[in-house]
Amino acid sequence: MTPYQQLETGARSLGLALDEKQLSWLMQYLSLIQKWNRVHNLTALRDPQKMLTHHLLDSLAVLPHLCADRLLDVGSGAGLPGIPLAIARPDWEITLSDSNHKKSSFQQQAVIELGLSNVRVAPGRVEDIRLEQKFDGVISRAFSEIADFIACTCHLLATNGRWYAMKGVCPDEELAQLPAGVEVERVVPLTVPGLGAQRHLIILKAV
């Protein structure tokens, strides 16, 4: 099975109907990560097969559980999960944020090369970001502990918005230390095609 076929099959198993253009964009994005990774160390993964499952499919696995026309991806790194989500949902507006200059530069380049008009890059510390319009959803794949994630981003979440924390094993200790005024709405176990590890999406809201 070719990487393209693996991506197509994996996306289908996640319930996603991606067209040829979207699949090609995702593969092009993966190639960009591999190219930049040789110099800028965007990700510790080097194996293309693992990058496809651990990055692309892992990012796409959360899509059926998100409800956010305007989404902020915090600590986005190489643009994960924001860029795969933006490719899959061109009707969403997605903002990528990372404090690492090299990673933000890569995000900008990927947005330009892929022609992603629904993505903007907001470099710098998320605590310092000030935008007029807030976000329906704020997502993090590998940012920090959940309490810190919430504290750093609460000024950017719209009323009735949701935080989405992507985790491996369900972080029971972190969930026991949530700040006042925040509660867990759902804990969603995820099955990522080709990834033999536990994955969970923690959905939180203000109360």
Protein backbone atom coordinates (compact mmCIF):
# COMPACT_ATOMS: atom_id res chain seq x y z
CA MET A 1 0.00 0.00 0.00
CA THR A 2 1.39 3.41 -0.96
CA PRO A 3 1.48 6.25 1.59
CA TYR A 4 -1.33 7.96 -0.35
CA GLN A 5 -3.46 4.82 -0.16
CA GLN A 6 -2.64 4.42 3.53
CA LEU A 7 -3.78 7.99 4.16
CA GLU A 8 -6.94 7.52 2.12
CA THR A 9 -7.80 4.27 3.91
CA GLY A 10 -7.00 5.73 7.32
CA ALA A 11 -9.12 8.82 6.72
CA ARG A 12 -12.01 6.68 5.55
CA SER A 13 -11.79 4.54 8.70
CA LEU A 14 -12.09 7.76 10.72
CA GLY A 15 -15.32 8.53 8.88
CA LEU A 16 -13.78 11.32 6.79
CA ALA A 17 -14.62 11.69 3.10
CA LEU A 18 -11.57 13.53 1.77
CA ASP A 19 -11.30 14.18 -1.96
CA GLU A 20 -8.20 13.71 -4.13
CA LYS A 21 -7.18 17.35 -3.76
CA GLN A 22 -7.31 17.21 0.03
CA LEU A 23 -5.37 13.94 0.15
CA SER A 24 -2.75 15.38 -2.19
CA TRP A 25 -2.45 18.50 -0.02
CA LEU A 26 -1.92 16.35 3.06
CA MET A 27 0.81 14.36 1.32
CA GLN A 28 2.44 17.58 0.11
CA TYR A 29 2.32 18.92 3.66
CA LEU A 30 3.99 15.74 4.93
CA SER A 31 6.74 16.19 2.33
CA LEU A 32 7.28 19.77 3.51
CA ILE A 33 7.70 18.59 7.10
CA GLN A 34 10.25 16.00 5.97
CA LYS A 35 12.15 18.60 3.94
CA TRP A 36 12.32 21.19 6.71
CA ASN A 37 12.95 18.58 9.38
CA ARG A 38 16.41 17.87 8.00
CA VAL A 39 17.52 21.35 9.05
CA HIS A 40 15.06 22.73 11.60
CA ASN A 41 14.14 19.69 13.71
CA LEU A 42 10.40 20.30 13.59
CA THR A 43 9.59 16.84 14.94
CA ALA A 44 11.52 13.99 16.54
CA LEU A 45 9.97 11.54 14.09
CA ARG A 46 11.97 10.80 10.96
CA ASP A 47 10.25 7.72 9.53
CA PRO A 48 7.68 8.76 6.85
CA GLN A 49 5.33 5.91 7.79
CA LYS A 50 5.27 6.96 11.44
CA MET A 51 4.87 10.61 10.48
CA LEU A 52 1.78 9.71 8.47
CA THR A 53 0.13 7.86 11.36
CA HIS A 54 1.49 9.85 14.33
CA HIS A 55 1.00 13.27 12.75
CA LEU A 56 -1.58 13.27 9.93
CA LEU A 57 -4.01 10.56 11.05
CA ASP A 58 -3.58 11.43 14.73
CA SER A 59 -4.55 15.03 13.93
CA LEU A 60 -7.49 14.03 11.75
CA ALA A 61 -8.84 11.59 14.37
CA VAL A 62 -10.23 14.45 16.48
CA LEU A 63 -12.16 16.08 13.62
CA PRO A 64 -15.52 14.31 14.14
CA HIS A 65 -15.56 15.54 17.75
CA LEU A 66 -14.82 19.23 17.15
CA CYS A 67 -17.45 21.93 16.94
CA ALA A 68 -15.64 25.15 16.07
CA ASP A 69 -15.86 27.35 13.00
CA ARG A 70 -12.99 29.43 14.43
CA LEU A 71 -10.25 27.29 15.96
CA LEU A 72 -6.97 28.24 17.64
CA ASP A 73 -4.18 25.63 17.61
CA VAL A 74 -1.83 26.37 20.53
CA GLY A 75 1.76 25.12 20.62
CA SER A 76 1.17 24.08 17.04
CA GLY A 77 4.79 23.20 16.25
CA ALA A 78 4.86 22.01 12.65
CA GLY A 79 1.19 22.97 12.30
CA LEU A 80 -0.31 19.97 14.06
CA PRO A 81 -3.21 19.44 14.29
CA GLY A 82 -4.18 22.78 12.73
CA ILE A 83 -3.00 22.34 9.14
CA PRO A 84 -4.47 18.84 8.60
CA LEU A 85 -7.75 20.08 10.11
CA ALA A 86 -7.70 23.15 7.84
CA ILE A 87 -7.19 20.95 4.78
CA ALA A 88 -10.04 18.68 5.81
CA ARG A 89 -12.35 21.59 6.71
CA PRO A 90 -11.72 24.51 4.32
CA ASP A 91 -14.86 26.20 5.70
CA TRP A 92 -13.21 26.64 9.12
CA GLU A 93 -10.92 29.53 10.08
CA ILE A 94 -7.86 28.18 11.87
CA THR A 95 -5.11 30.14 13.62
CA LEU A 96 -1.75 28.54 14.46
CA SER A 97 0.28 29.74 17.43
CA ASP A 98 3.79 28.77 18.49
CA SER A 99 6.49 30.66 20.39
CA ASN A 100 9.32 29.02 18.40
CA HIS A 101 10.32 31.30 15.52
CA LYS A 102 11.56 28.50 13.25
CA LYS A 103 8.33 26.56 13.67
CA SER A 104 6.23 29.66 13.00
CA SER A 105 8.30 30.29 9.86
CA PHE A 106 7.59 26.76 8.69
CA GLN A 107 3.88 27.25 9.34
CA GLN A 108 3.91 30.41 7.20
CA GLN A 109 5.72 28.61 4.39
CA ALA A 110 3.35 25.65 4.50
CA VAL A 111 0.32 27.97 4.37
CA ILE A 112 1.79 29.75 1.32
CA GLU A 113 2.86 26.61 -0.56
CA LEU A 114 -0.43 24.81 0.08
CA GLY A 115 -2.52 27.91 -0.61
CA LEU A 116 -4.48 27.61 2.64
CA SER A 117 -6.57 30.77 2.67
CA ASN A 118 -8.38 29.64 5.84
CA VAL A 119 -5.21 29.55 7.97
CA ARG A 120 -3.37 32.38 9.66
CA VAL A 121 -0.22 32.25 11.77
CA ALA A 122 0.05 34.16 15.07
CA PRO A 123 3.68 33.73 16.20
CA GLY A 124 4.77 34.34 19.77
CA ARG A 125 3.60 33.38 23.23
CA VAL A 126 -0.11 32.59 23.31
CA GLU A 127 -0.43 34.55 26.57
CA ASP A 128 0.51 37.69 24.61
CA ILE A 129 -1.91 37.20 21.72
CA ARG A 130 -4.69 39.78 21.62
CA LEU A 131 -7.35 39.46 18.93
CA GLU A 132 -10.66 41.26 18.51
CA GLN A 133 -12.59 38.10 17.66
CA LYS A 134 -12.35 35.15 20.03
CA PHE A 135 -12.38 31.46 19.15
CA ASP A 136 -15.14 28.85 19.30
CA GLY A 137 -12.50 26.26 20.09
CA VAL A 138 -8.92 26.17 21.37
CA ILE A 139 -6.99 22.96 20.75
CA SER A 140 -3.61 21.68 21.92
CA ARG A 141 -1.82 18.52 20.92
CA ALA A 142 1.31 18.71 23.04
CA PHE A 143 1.24 22.09 24.75
CA SER A 144 1.37 21.51 28.51
CA GLU A 145 -0.69 20.26 31.41
CA ILE A 146 -4.38 20.98 30.99
CA ALA A 147 -4.56 23.55 33.82
CA ASP A 148 -1.73 25.55 32.21
CA PHE A 149 -3.32 25.19 28.77
CA ILE A 150 -6.56 26.71 30.10
CA ALA A 151 -4.82 29.49 32.04
CA CYS A 152 -2.80 30.58 28.99
CA THR A 153 -5.75 30.63 26.60
CA CYS A 154 -8.86 31.58 28.58
CA HIS A 155 -8.69 35.17 27.27
CA LEU A 156 -9.02 33.84 23.71
CA LEU A 157 -12.00 31.52 24.15
CA ALA A 158 -15.43 32.81 23.16
CA THR A 159 -18.48 32.46 25.39
CA ASN A 160 -19.77 28.88 25.06
CA GLY A 161 -16.48 27.85 23.43
CA ARG A 162 -14.63 24.64 24.16
CA TRP A 163 -11.08 23.63 24.98
CA TYR A 164 -9.84 20.47 23.26
CA ALA A 165 -6.80 18.78 24.82
CA MET A 166 -5.27 15.93 22.81
CA LYS A 167 -3.64 13.41 25.14
CA GLY A 168 -2.24 9.89 25.15
CA VAL A 169 -3.28 7.96 28.26
CA CYS A 170 -6.26 9.63 29.94
CA PRO A 171 -4.66 12.23 32.27
CA ASP A 172 -6.68 11.58 35.43
CA GLU A 173 -4.29 13.54 37.67
CA GLU A 174 -4.49 16.60 35.42
CA LEU A 175 -8.28 16.40 35.34
CA ALA A 176 -8.35 16.33 39.14
CA GLN A 177 -6.51 19.67 39.20
CA LEU A 178 -8.70 21.73 36.89
CA PRO A 179 -9.11 25.40 37.82
CA ALA A 180 -12.36 26.61 39.33
CA GLY A 181 -15.02 27.40 36.77
CA VAL A 182 -13.92 24.73 34.29
CA GLU A 183 -15.37 21.26 33.90
CA VAL A 184 -14.90 18.23 31.67
CA GLU A 185 -17.66 17.90 29.11
CA ARG A 186 -16.45 14.64 27.57
CA VAL A 187 -13.46 12.31 27.46
CA VAL A 188 -13.32 10.71 24.02
CA PRO A 189 -11.17 7.60 23.48
CA LEU A 190 -9.68 7.78 19.98
CA THR A 191 -8.62 5.00 17.66
CA VAL A 192 -5.94 6.20 15.25
CA PRO A 193 -5.35 3.86 12.28
CA GLY A 194 -1.87 2.35 12.45
CA LEU A 195 -1.09 3.83 15.86
CA GLY A 196 -0.84 1.21 18.57
CA ALA A 197 -1.13 3.57 21.51
CA GLN A 198 -3.84 5.08 23.66
CA ARG A 199 -5.18 8.45 22.52
CA HIS A 200 -7.85 10.60 24.17
CA LEU A 201 -9.50 13.91 23.40
CA ILE A 202 -10.48 15.87 26.51
CA ILE A 203 -13.28 18.38 25.86
CA LEU A 204 -13.68 21.10 28.49
CA LYS A 205 -15.93 24.11 29.00
CA ALA A 206 -16.32 27.05 31.34
CA VAL A 207 -19.20 26.92 33.82
